Amino acid sequence: MKSEFLYKLGYRLSQIREQKDLSQEQLEELSGVSTNSISKIECGKTNVGVETLYRITQALNIDLSQLLSDTKYTPVMYSPIIEHIVEQLNHEDEKTLKFIEEQIQSLLKFKKNK
C-alpha cells in the first residue's frame, strides 16, 4: 500500500512543477534528478531522500518547507483504476495530455447532463 504522505508529496511536487511551466525533463536538467526518479516521486511510488528533495526545491526556486507544508491539503484519491491511467499517461507529451483532458471533461459534462 502506498504511503499517503508520499502520494501527497508527489502530487504537490507535480503541482508546483506545472505551475512553473516545467516538464519533468526540464526539471531533470535543472536539478540533476533523473526524469524516472521525478516521475516516481510525483506518483508517490518511491521514498525520497532529503538531499534529492533539496536539489528539486533548489531547481524550482522554492523552500523545502513550501513543498512539505501543503501536503496536508492535497486530495487523496487511491484507486487502482486511477493509478493504472496515470501510469499509462505518465510518458505522454503535453499535446496528447491536453487532448485527453479535454475528452475527459467532455465525457464528464455529458454524464452530468444525462
C-alpha atoms as a PDB file:
ATOM      1  CA  MET A   1       0.000   0.000   0.000  1.00  0.00           C
ATOM      2  CA  LYS A   2       1.267   3.440  -0.896  1.00  0.00           C
ATOM      3  CA  SER A   3       2.103   5.918   1.788  1.00  0.00           C
ATOM      4  CA  GLU A   4      -0.459   8.716   1.909  1.00  0.00           C
ATOM      5  CA  PHE A   5       2.338  11.176   2.687  1.00  0.00           C
ATOM      6  CA  LEU A   6       4.377  10.113  -0.373  1.00  0.00           C
ATOM      7  CA  TYR A   7       1.308  10.413  -2.584  1.00  0.00           C
ATOM      8  CA  LYS A   8       0.576  13.913  -1.290  1.00  0.00           C
ATOM      9  CA  LEU A   9       4.209  14.968  -1.586  1.00  0.00           C
ATOM     10  CA  GLY A  10       4.323  13.773  -5.188  1.00  0.00           C
ATOM     11  CA  TYR A  11       1.048  15.470  -6.014  1.00  0.00           C
ATOM     12  CA  ARG A  12       2.298  18.735  -4.547  1.00  0.00           C
ATOM     13  CA  LEU A  13       5.581  18.465  -6.452  1.00  0.00           C
ATOM     14  CA  SER A  14       3.765  17.961  -9.743  1.00  0.00           C
ATOM     15  CA  GLN A  15       1.504  20.951  -8.980  1.00  0.00           C
ATOM     16  CA  ILE A  16       4.473  23.240  -8.330  1.00  0.00           C
ATOM     17  CA  ARG A  17       6.396  21.966 -11.347  1.00  0.00           C
ATOM     18  CA  GLU A  18       3.392  22.534 -13.609  1.00  0.00           C
ATOM     19  CA  GLN A  19       2.756  25.999 -12.127  1.00  0.00           C
ATOM     20  CA  LYS A  20       6.316  26.863 -13.100  1.00  0.00           C
ATOM     21  CA  ASP A  21       5.582  25.518 -16.598  1.00  0.00           C
ATOM     22  CA  LEU A  22       8.333  22.915 -16.420  1.00  0.00           C
ATOM     23  CA  SER A  23       8.323  19.415 -17.863  1.00  0.00           C
ATOM     24  CA  GLN A  24       9.864  16.556 -15.919  1.00  0.00           C
ATOM     25  CA  GLU A  25      12.730  16.627 -18.410  1.00  0.00           C
ATOM     26  CA  GLN A  26      13.373  20.324 -17.751  1.00  0.00           C
ATOM     27  CA  LEU A  27      13.304  19.717 -14.010  1.00  0.00           C
ATOM     28  CA  GLU A  28      15.851  16.937 -14.519  1.00  0.00           C
ATOM     29  CA  GLU A  29      18.168  19.364 -16.311  1.00  0.00           C
ATOM     30  CA  LEU A  30      17.827  21.935 -13.537  1.00  0.00           C
ATOM     31  CA  SER A  31      18.048  19.579 -10.560  1.00  0.00           C
ATOM     32  CA  GLY A  32      20.196  16.684 -11.733  1.00  0.00           C
ATOM     33  CA  VAL A  33      17.474  14.298 -10.548  1.00  0.00           C
ATOM     34  CA  SER A  34      16.521  11.821 -13.291  1.00  0.00           C
ATOM     35  CA  THR A  35      13.178  12.067 -15.048  1.00  0.00           C
ATOM     36  CA  ASN A  36      12.456   8.498 -13.934  1.00  0.00           C
ATOM     37  CA  SER A  37      13.016   9.473 -10.288  1.00  0.00           C
ATOM     38  CA  ILE A  38      10.890  12.614 -10.638  1.00  0.00           C
ATOM     39  CA  SER A  39       8.099  10.537 -12.160  1.00  0.00           C
ATOM     40  CA  LYS A  40       8.241   8.001  -9.316  1.00  0.00           C
ATOM     41  CA  ILE A  41       8.236  10.803  -6.719  1.00  0.00           C
ATOM     42  CA  GLU A  42       5.246  12.509  -8.368  1.00  0.00           C
ATOM     43  CA  CYS A  43       3.336   9.216  -8.442  1.00  0.00           C
ATOM     44  CA  GLY A  44       4.144   8.555  -4.775  1.00  0.00           C
ATOM     45  CA  LYS A  45       5.956   5.347  -5.686  1.00  0.00           C
ATOM     46  CA  THR A  46       9.285   5.966  -4.012  1.00  0.00           C
ATOM     47  CA  ASN A  47      10.615   7.078  -0.692  1.00  0.00           C
ATOM     48  CA  VAL A  48      12.633  10.164  -1.482  1.00  0.00           C
ATOM     49  CA  GLY A  49      15.698  11.380   0.378  1.00  0.00           C
ATOM     50  CA  VAL A  50      16.099  14.840   1.838  1.00  0.00           C
ATOM     51  CA  GLU A  51      19.070  15.616  -0.439  1.00  0.00           C
ATOM     52  CA  THR A  52      17.008  14.772  -3.526  1.00  0.00           C
ATOM     53  CA  LEU A  53      14.134  16.941  -2.299  1.00  0.00           C
ATOM     54  CA  TYR A  54      16.599  19.737  -1.617  1.00  0.00           C
ATOM     55  CA  ARG A  55      18.003  19.551  -5.162  1.00  0.00           C
ATOM     56  CA  ILE A  56      14.484  19.619  -6.606  1.00  0.00           C
ATOM     57  CA  THR A  57      13.362  22.554  -4.464  1.00  0.00           C
ATOM     58  CA  GLN A  58      16.515  24.491  -5.373  1.00  0.00           C
ATOM     59  CA  ALA A  59      15.778  23.886  -9.064  1.00  0.00           C
ATOM     60  CA  LEU A  60      12.189  25.057  -8.550  1.00  0.00           C
ATOM     61  CA  ASN A  61      13.419  28.072  -6.562  1.00  0.00           C
ATOM     62  CA  ILE A  62      11.249  27.255  -3.547  1.00  0.00           C
ATOM     63  CA  ASP A  63      11.936  26.393   0.076  1.00  0.00           C
ATOM     64  CA  LEU A  64      11.706  22.776   1.116  1.00  0.00           C
ATOM     65  CA  SER A  65       9.080  23.866   3.647  1.00  0.00           C
ATOM     66  CA  GLN A  66       6.838  25.071   0.788  1.00  0.00           C
ATOM     67  CA  LEU A  67       6.849  21.613  -0.736  1.00  0.00           C
ATOM     68  CA  LEU A  68       6.142  19.881   2.557  1.00  0.00           C
ATOM     69  CA  SER A  69       3.707  22.327   4.169  1.00  0.00           C
ATOM     70  CA  ASP A  70       0.856  21.969   1.687  1.00  0.00           C
ATOM     71  CA  THR A  71       0.768  18.174   1.609  1.00  0.00           C
ATOM     72  CA  LYS A  72      -1.920  18.031   4.287  1.00  0.00           C
ATOM     73  CA  TYR A  73      -4.348  19.788   1.915  1.00  0.00           C
ATOM     74  CA  THR A  74      -3.736  17.513  -1.065  1.00  0.00           C
ATOM     75  CA  PRO A  75      -6.707  15.358  -2.014  1.00  0.00           C
ATOM     76  CA  VAL A  76      -6.171  11.646  -1.665  1.00  0.00           C
ATOM     77  CA  MET A  77      -7.703   9.511  -4.372  1.00  0.00           C
ATOM     78  CA  TYR A  78      -6.433   5.964  -4.149  1.00  0.00           C
ATOM     79  CA  SER A  79      -7.877   3.827  -6.883  1.00  0.00           C
ATOM     80  CA  PRO A  80      -6.277   1.035  -8.885  1.00  0.00           C
ATOM     81  CA  ILE A  81      -8.047   2.379 -11.973  1.00  0.00           C
ATOM     82  CA  ILE A  82      -6.710   5.923 -11.480  1.00  0.00           C
ATOM     83  CA  GLU A  83      -3.244   4.558 -10.761  1.00  0.00           C
ATOM     84  CA  HIS A  84      -3.348   2.496 -13.971  1.00  0.00           C
ATOM     85  CA  ILE A  85      -4.482   5.508 -16.017  1.00  0.00           C
ATOM     86  CA  VAL A  86      -1.748   7.705 -14.531  1.00  0.00           C
ATOM     87  CA  GLU A  87       0.886   5.076 -15.317  1.00  0.00           C
ATOM     88  CA  GLN A  88      -0.299   4.911 -18.928  1.00  0.00           C
ATOM     89  CA  LEU A  89      -0.327   8.700 -19.322  1.00  0.00           C
ATOM     90  CA  ASN A  90       2.869   9.384 -17.451  1.00  0.00           C
ATOM     91  CA  HIS A  91       5.083   9.401 -20.529  1.00  0.00           C
ATOM     92  CA  GLU A  92       2.762  11.134 -22.979  1.00  0.00           C
ATOM     93  CA  ASP A  93       3.627  14.537 -24.394  1.00  0.00           C
ATOM     94  CA  GLU A  94       1.800  17.700 -23.295  1.00  0.00           C
ATOM     95  CA  LYS A  95      -0.265  17.938 -26.501  1.00  0.00           C
ATOM     96  CA  THR A  96      -1.607  14.413 -26.043  1.00  0.00           C
ATOM     97  CA  LEU A  97      -2.318  15.021 -22.356  1.00  0.00           C
ATOM     98  CA  LYS A  98      -4.223  18.225 -23.151  1.00  0.00           C
ATOM     99  CA  PHE A  99      -6.311  16.371 -25.742  1.00  0.00           C
ATOM    100  CA  ILE A 100      -7.103  13.591 -23.259  1.00  0.00           C
ATOM    101  CA  GLU A 101      -8.002  16.147 -20.580  1.00  0.00           C
ATOM    102  CA  GLU A 102     -10.451  17.827 -22.982  1.00  0.00           C
ATOM    103  CA  GLN A 103     -12.018  14.468 -23.823  1.00  0.00           C
ATOM    104  CA  ILE A 104     -12.451  13.598 -20.154  1.00  0.00           C
ATOM    105  CA  GLN A 105     -14.049  16.983 -19.453  1.00  0.00           C
ATOM    106  CA  SER A 106     -16.468  16.451 -22.358  1.00  0.00           C
ATOM    107  CA  LEU A 107     -17.394  12.992 -21.098  1.00  0.00           C
ATOM    108  CA  LEU A 108     -17.982  14.273 -17.572  1.00  0.00           C
ATOM    109  CA  LYS A 109     -20.180  17.117 -18.829  1.00  0.00           C
ATOM    110  CA  PHE A 110     -22.151  14.643 -20.941  1.00  0.00           C
ATOM    111  CA  LYS A 111     -22.602  12.350 -17.914  1.00  0.00           C
ATOM    112  CA  LYS A 112     -23.682  15.277 -15.742  1.00  0.00           C
ATOM    113  CA  ASN A 113     -26.288  16.404 -18.259  1.00  0.00           C
ATOM    114  CA  LYS A 114     -27.703  12.926 -18.732  1.00  0.00           C
END
